[in-house]
Amino acid sequence: MASDYVTSMMEQEDEERRERNIMRDAAILIIKGYDINSAKAHARELDNAQYEAIRNNEVIYEGEEEENIIGFLDSSIDSPSAKGLNNSEIDAKYYELCEEEGISSE
């Protein structure tokens, strides 16, 4: 029983983390000129592709411990770069998207 609860909580936390990552990527895409629906759709597609790449160990790690993923073997599924963008603007759009979707931004 307890292990089922722990597993359920871990799955819920993973799903919430994924949703936050999707909203972060969507915020970046919106600032880069995507409309909101296209940004969310593209960010979800990236997340699904990244999830599969992680499951198939098609990732690039930082360090010997292989704990921190820094990219994917297929670079077309990397999250959009925020280089050159205003971080405050990204954060504001991210918080707005999280609020619209009813998910925690933390």
Protein backbone atom coordinates (compact mmCIF):
# COMPACT_ATOMS: atom_id res chain seq x y z
CA MET A 1 0.00 0.00 0.00
CA ALA A 2 2.62 2.54 1.03
CA SER A 3 4.76 1.75 -2.00
CA ASP A 4 1.75 2.32 -4.29
CA TYR A 5 1.23 5.71 -2.67
CA VAL A 6 4.91 6.62 -3.07
CA THR A 7 4.88 5.50 -6.70
CA SER A 8 1.73 7.52 -7.34
CA MET A 9 3.25 10.62 -5.74
CA MET A 10 6.45 10.24 -7.78
CA GLU A 11 4.45 9.91 -10.99
CA GLN A 12 2.40 12.99 -10.10
CA GLU A 13 5.56 14.99 -9.34
CA ASP A 14 7.09 13.85 -12.66
CA GLU A 15 3.97 14.91 -14.54
CA GLU A 16 3.94 18.31 -12.81
CA ARG A 17 7.63 18.80 -13.63
CA ARG A 18 6.96 17.94 -17.25
CA GLU A 19 4.06 20.41 -17.40
CA ARG A 20 6.26 23.17 -15.96
CA ASN A 21 8.96 22.40 -18.54
CA ILE A 22 6.35 22.53 -21.31
CA MET A 23 5.17 25.94 -20.10
CA ARG A 24 8.77 27.21 -19.90
CA ASP A 25 9.47 26.07 -23.48
CA ALA A 26 6.14 27.54 -24.65
CA ALA A 27 6.99 30.88 -23.01
CA ILE A 28 10.28 31.01 -24.91
CA LEU A 29 8.57 30.11 -28.18
CA ILE A 30 5.92 32.81 -27.67
CA ILE A 31 8.60 35.42 -27.11
CA LYS A 32 10.27 34.19 -30.29
CA GLY A 33 7.06 34.87 -32.22
CA TYR A 34 4.91 31.74 -32.02
CA ASP A 35 1.23 32.19 -31.30
CA ILE A 36 0.17 30.74 -27.96
CA ASN A 37 -1.55 27.61 -29.31
CA SER A 38 1.32 26.74 -31.66
CA ALA A 39 3.85 27.33 -28.89
CA LYS A 40 2.04 25.03 -26.47
CA ALA A 41 1.58 22.34 -29.14
CA HIS A 42 5.22 22.47 -30.21
CA ALA A 43 6.42 22.45 -26.59
CA ARG A 44 4.29 19.34 -25.91
CA GLU A 45 5.71 17.63 -29.00
CA LEU A 46 9.23 18.40 -27.78
CA ASP A 47 8.44 17.07 -24.32
CA ASN A 48 7.06 13.80 -25.70
CA ALA A 49 10.09 13.34 -27.95
CA GLN A 50 12.44 14.15 -25.06
CA TYR A 51 10.65 11.69 -22.78
CA GLU A 52 11.08 8.94 -25.37
CA ALA A 53 14.74 9.86 -25.88
CA ILE A 54 15.34 9.61 -22.13
CA ARG A 55 13.60 6.23 -22.01
CA ASN A 56 15.83 5.05 -24.88
CA ASN A 57 18.98 6.58 -23.36
CA GLU A 58 19.48 8.86 -26.37
CA VAL A 59 20.78 11.72 -24.27
CA ILE A 60 23.95 13.68 -23.64
CA TYR A 61 25.00 13.89 -20.01
CA GLU A 62 27.17 16.38 -18.19
CA GLY A 63 29.82 14.76 -16.00
CA GLU A 64 30.67 11.18 -15.27
CA GLU A 65 27.72 10.56 -12.94
CA GLU A 66 25.23 10.75 -15.83
CA GLU A 67 22.75 12.64 -13.69
CA ASN A 68 22.40 15.92 -15.55
CA ILE A 69 21.05 15.73 -19.09
CA ILE A 70 22.36 18.61 -21.16
CA GLY A 71 21.03 17.59 -24.56
CA PHE A 72 19.74 14.89 -26.82
CA LEU A 73 21.43 12.89 -29.55
CA ASP A 74 18.78 14.31 -31.89
CA SER A 75 19.33 18.03 -31.36
CA SER A 76 16.02 18.86 -33.05
CA ILE A 77 14.25 17.87 -29.82
CA ASP A 78 16.33 20.11 -27.54
CA SER A 79 14.31 22.73 -25.68
CA PRO A 80 14.30 26.13 -27.38
CA SER A 81 17.23 28.35 -26.50
CA ALA A 82 16.62 31.46 -24.42
CA LYS A 83 19.95 32.94 -25.49
CA GLY A 84 19.58 36.61 -26.25
CA LEU A 85 16.10 36.82 -24.74
CA ASN A 86 15.03 38.80 -21.70
CA ASN A 87 14.78 36.38 -18.76
CA SER A 88 12.26 38.60 -16.95
CA GLU A 89 10.01 38.48 -20.00
CA ILE A 90 10.34 34.69 -20.18
CA ASP A 91 9.53 34.37 -16.47
CA ALA A 92 6.47 36.63 -16.77
CA LYS A 93 5.11 34.66 -19.72
CA TYR A 94 5.88 31.36 -17.96
CA TYR A 95 3.96 32.39 -14.83
CA GLU A 96 1.08 33.59 -16.98
CA LEU A 97 0.92 30.27 -18.86
CA CYS A 98 1.11 28.25 -15.65
CA GLU A 99 -1.74 30.27 -14.18
CA GLU A 100 -3.84 29.80 -17.34
CA GLU A 101 -3.21 26.04 -17.24
CA GLY A 102 -3.85 25.81 -13.49
CA ILE A 103 -0.46 24.33 -12.68
CA SER A 104 2.06 25.31 -10.03
CA SER A 105 4.94 27.39 -11.33
CA GLU A 106 7.21 26.24 -8.49
